[in-house]
C-alpha atoms as a PDB file:
ATOM      1  CA  UNK A   1     158.287  26.848 153.369  1.00  0.00           C
ATOM      2  CA  UNK A   2     161.724  27.322 151.419  1.00  0.00           C
ATOM      3  CA  UNK A   3     160.287  26.919 148.238  1.00  0.00           C
ATOM      4  CA  UNK A   4     160.606  29.943 145.934  1.00  0.00           C
ATOM      5  CA  UNK A   5     158.483  30.719 142.823  1.00  0.00           C
ATOM      6  CA  UNK A   6     159.087  33.465 140.100  1.00  0.00           C
ATOM      7  CA  UNK A   7     156.077  34.663 138.147  1.00  0.00           C
ATOM      8  CA  UNK A   8     157.172  36.994 135.276  1.00  0.00           C
ATOM      9  CA  UNK A   9     154.513  38.716 133.224  1.00  0.00           C
ATOM     10  CA  UNK A  10     155.731  39.630 129.952  1.00  0.00           C
ATOM     11  CA  UNK A  11     154.796  41.612 126.929  1.00  0.00           C
ATOM     12  CA  UNK A  12     156.014  40.207 123.642  1.00  0.00           C
ATOM     13  CA  UNK A  13     157.798  42.922 121.800  1.00  0.00           C
ATOM     14  CA  UNK A  14     158.444  41.053 118.675  1.00  0.00           C
ATOM     15  CA  UNK A  15     156.256  38.655 116.744  1.00  0.00           C
ATOM     16  CA  UNK A  16     154.527  35.624 118.037  1.00  0.00           C
ATOM     17  CA  UNK A  17     156.633  33.575 115.758  1.00  0.00           C
ATOM     18  CA  UNK A  18     159.749  35.163 117.417  1.00  0.00           C
ATOM     19  CA  UNK A  19     158.381  34.417 120.853  1.00  0.00           C
ATOM     20  CA  UNK A  20     157.547  30.606 119.969  1.00  0.00           C
ATOM     21  CA  UNK A  21     160.914  30.202 118.262  1.00  0.00           C
ATOM     22  CA  UNK A  22     162.959  31.722 121.363  1.00  0.00           C
ATOM     23  CA  UNK A  23     160.926  29.722 123.838  1.00  0.00           C
ATOM     24  CA  UNK A  24     161.046  26.364 121.900  1.00  0.00           C
ATOM     25  CA  UNK A  25     164.648  26.644 120.455  1.00  0.00           C
ATOM     26  CA  UNK A  26     166.636  28.519 122.865  1.00  0.00           C
ATOM     27  CA  UNK A  27     165.145  29.180 126.116  1.00  0.00           C
ATOM     28  CA  UNK A  28     163.830  25.810 127.093  1.00  0.00           C
ATOM     29  CA  UNK A  29     166.473  23.563 125.594  1.00  0.00           C
ATOM     30  CA  UNK A  30     169.263  25.679 127.122  1.00  0.00           C
ATOM     31  CA  UNK A  31     167.800  26.015 130.640  1.00  0.00           C
ATOM     32  CA  UNK A  32     166.902  22.293 130.627  1.00  0.00           C
ATOM     33  CA  UNK A  33     170.664  21.546 130.102  1.00  0.00           C
ATOM     34  CA  UNK A  34     171.978  23.765 133.057  1.00  0.00           C
ATOM     35  CA  UNK A  35     173.253  22.143 135.985  1.00  0.00           C
ATOM     36  CA  UNK A  36     170.661  23.258 138.423  1.00  0.00           C
ATOM     37  CA  UNK A  37     169.476  20.139 140.399  1.00  0.00           C
ATOM     38  CA  UNK A  38     167.240  22.205 142.811  1.00  0.00           C
ATOM     39  CA  UNK A  39     165.131  23.991 139.853  1.00  0.00           C
ATOM     40  CA  UNK A  40     161.719  22.425 140.209  1.00  0.00           C
ATOM     41  CA  UNK A  41     160.091  23.735 137.125  1.00  0.00           C
ATOM     42  CA  UNK A  42     160.540  26.224 134.087  1.00  0.00           C
ATOM     43  CA  UNK A  43     157.391  26.665 132.253  1.00  0.00           C
ATOM     44  CA  UNK A  44     156.284  29.037 129.474  1.00  0.00           C
ATOM     45  CA  UNK A  45     152.466  30.184 128.981  1.00  0.00           C
ATOM     46  CA  UNK A  46     151.282  32.296 125.860  1.00  0.00           C
ATOM     47  CA  UNK A  47     148.452  34.325 125.166  1.00  0.00           C
ATOM     48  CA  UNK A  48     149.117  34.797 121.373  1.00  0.00           C
ATOM     49  CA  UNK A  49     146.002  37.271 120.836  1.00  0.00           C
ATOM     50  CA  UNK A  50     147.189  39.758 123.498  1.00  0.00           C
ATOM     51  CA  UNK A  51     150.816  39.161 122.646  1.00  0.00           C
ATOM     52  CA  UNK A  52     151.426  38.293 126.375  1.00  0.00           C
ATOM     53  CA  UNK A  53     153.402  35.490 127.961  1.00  0.00           C
ATOM     54  CA  UNK A  54     154.007  34.285 131.553  1.00  0.00           C
ATOM     55  CA  UNK A  55     157.187  32.487 132.694  1.00  0.00           C
ATOM     56  CA  UNK A  56     156.826  30.418 135.733  1.00  0.00           C
ATOM     57  CA  UNK A  57     159.857  29.108 137.655  1.00  0.00           C
ATOM     58  CA  UNK A  58     160.011  27.251 140.837  1.00  0.00           C
ATOM     59  CA  UNK A  59     162.922  26.302 142.989  1.00  0.00           C
ATOM     60  CA  UNK A  60     163.734  24.244 146.060  1.00  0.00           C
ATOM     61  CA  UNK A  61     165.004  27.484 147.966  1.00  0.00           C
ATOM     62  CA  UNK A  62     166.638  30.837 147.523  1.00  0.00           C
ATOM     63  CA  UNK A  63     169.968  29.409 146.837  1.00  0.00           C
ATOM     64  CA  UNK A  64     168.543  27.404 143.927  1.00  0.00           C
ATOM     65  CA  UNK A  65     166.949  30.552 142.578  1.00  0.00           C
ATOM     66  CA  UNK A  66     170.254  32.464 142.718  1.00  0.00           C
ATOM     67  CA  UNK A  67     171.902  29.685 140.753  1.00  0.00           C
ATOM     68  CA  UNK A  68     169.103  30.012 138.130  1.00  0.00           C
ATOM     69  CA  UNK A  69     169.549  33.938 137.851  1.00  0.00           C
ATOM     70  CA  UNK A  70     173.283  33.703 137.741  1.00  0.00           C
ATOM     71  CA  UNK A  71     173.141  31.120 134.900  1.00  0.00           C
ATOM     72  CA  UNK A  72     170.730  33.061 133.021  1.00  0.00           C
ATOM     73  CA  UNK A  73     172.846  36.307 133.440  1.00  0.00           C
ATOM     74  CA  UNK A  74     175.783  34.656 131.777  1.00  0.00           C
ATOM     75  CA  UNK A  75     173.850  32.761 129.116  1.00  0.00           C
ATOM     76  CA  UNK A  76     173.073  33.573 125.504  1.00  0.00           C
ATOM     77  CA  UNK A  77     169.553  33.478 126.510  1.00  0.00           C
ATOM     78  CA  UNK A  78     169.774  36.681 128.381  1.00  0.00           C
ATOM     79  CA  UNK A  79     170.183  39.179 125.345  1.00  0.00           C
ATOM     80  CA  UNK A  80     167.481  37.382 123.082  1.00  0.00           C
ATOM     81  CA  UNK A  81     165.123  37.358 125.899  1.00  0.00           C
ATOM     82  CA  UNK A  82     165.480  41.316 126.411  1.00  0.00           C
ATOM     83  CA  UNK A  83     165.046  41.858 122.684  1.00  0.00           C
ATOM     84  CA  UNK A  84     161.786  39.772 122.513  1.00  0.00           C
ATOM     85  CA  UNK A  85     159.988  40.327 125.914  1.00  0.00           C
ATOM     86  CA  UNK A  86     159.513  43.148 128.381  1.00  0.00           C
ATOM     87  CA  UNK A  87     158.769  42.290 131.926  1.00  0.00           C
ATOM     88  CA  UNK A  88     155.745  44.270 133.185  1.00  0.00           C
ATOM     89  CA  UNK A  89     155.162  42.380 136.571  1.00  0.00           C
ATOM     90  CA  UNK A  90     157.712  40.038 138.351  1.00  0.00           C
ATOM     91  CA  UNK A  91     156.435  38.373 141.620  1.00  0.00           C
ATOM     92  CA  UNK A  92     158.748  36.408 143.791  1.00  0.00           C
ATOM     93  CA  UNK A  93     156.817  34.082 146.192  1.00  0.00           C
ATOM     94  CA  UNK A  94     158.349  32.592 149.314  1.00  0.00           C
ATOM     95  CA  UNK A  95     160.732  33.285 151.982  1.00  0.00           C
ATOM     96  CA  UNK A  96     163.411  34.985 150.077  1.00  0.00           C
ATOM     97  CA  UNK A  97     167.055  35.267 151.593  1.00  0.00           C
ATOM     98  CA  UNK A  98     169.153  38.458 151.330  1.00  0.00           C
ATOM     99  CA  UNK A  99     171.492  36.989 148.511  1.00  0.00           C
ATOM    100  CA  UNK A 100     168.499  36.580 146.297  1.00  0.00           C
ATOM    101  CA  UNK A 101     167.020  40.019 147.072  1.00  0.00           C
ATOM    102  CA  UNK A 102     170.127  41.476 146.327  1.00  0.00           C
ATOM    103  CA  UNK A 103     170.625  39.682 142.773  1.00  0.00           C
ATOM    104  CA  UNK A 104     167.060  40.501 141.802  1.00  0.00           C
ATOM    105  CA  UNK A 105     167.282  44.212 143.074  1.00  0.00           C
ATOM    106  CA  UNK A 106     167.643  45.644 139.486  1.00  0.00           C
ATOM    107  CA  UNK A 107     164.347  43.921 138.300  1.00  0.00           C
ATOM    108  CA  UNK A 108     162.181  45.453 140.992  1.00  0.00           C
ATOM    109  CA  UNK A 109     160.011  42.321 141.843  1.00  0.00           C
ATOM    110  CA  UNK A 110     157.440  42.243 144.265  1.00  0.00           C
ATOM    111  CA  UNK A 111     157.869  39.921 147.187  1.00  0.00           C
ATOM    112  CA  UNK A 112     155.054  37.855 148.680  1.00  0.00           C
ATOM    113  CA  UNK A 113     155.950  35.777 151.709  1.00  0.00           C
ATOM    114  CA  UNK A 114     154.248  32.384 152.314  1.00  0.00           C
ATOM    115  CA  UNK A 115     151.171  32.496 154.770  1.00  0.00           C
ATOM    116  CA  UNK A 116     149.526  28.972 154.636  1.00  0.00           C
ATOM    117  CA  UNK A 117     148.494  26.284 152.485  1.00  0.00           C
ATOM    118  CA  UNK A 118     149.730  22.837 151.228  1.00  0.00           C
ATOM    119  CA  UNK A 119     151.083  21.470 148.259  1.00  0.00           C
ATOM    120  CA  UNK A 120     150.897  17.589 147.829  1.00  0.00           C
ATOM    121  CA  UNK A 121     153.737  17.329 145.614  1.00  0.00           C
ATOM    122  CA  UNK A 122     156.340  18.616 147.771  1.00  0.00           C
END
């Protein structure tokens, strides 16, 4: 399976209101307008009482994931993201190519290879 999924477990460093504003007014609008035809999903989940968030992203393949990461690094979203959230766990699911491993190296993700199963939507 070529599909790649990112699961970022995040701690909200600022207020819940700052996180919600970032997500709804910057992160999602900006990312949805990027020219990334093979980005399948970009979804935020919040636990306001624990000040935790999960960002779930999925891509057709490693090349599409590389494009997303490159776009993020060059965007106005990156600096604000780092001010509001800290990443305490980053999982990358799927068969990751060398280029994607290289671009993600500084974030120290854990990699889990696909074993078995099915997705009726792919």
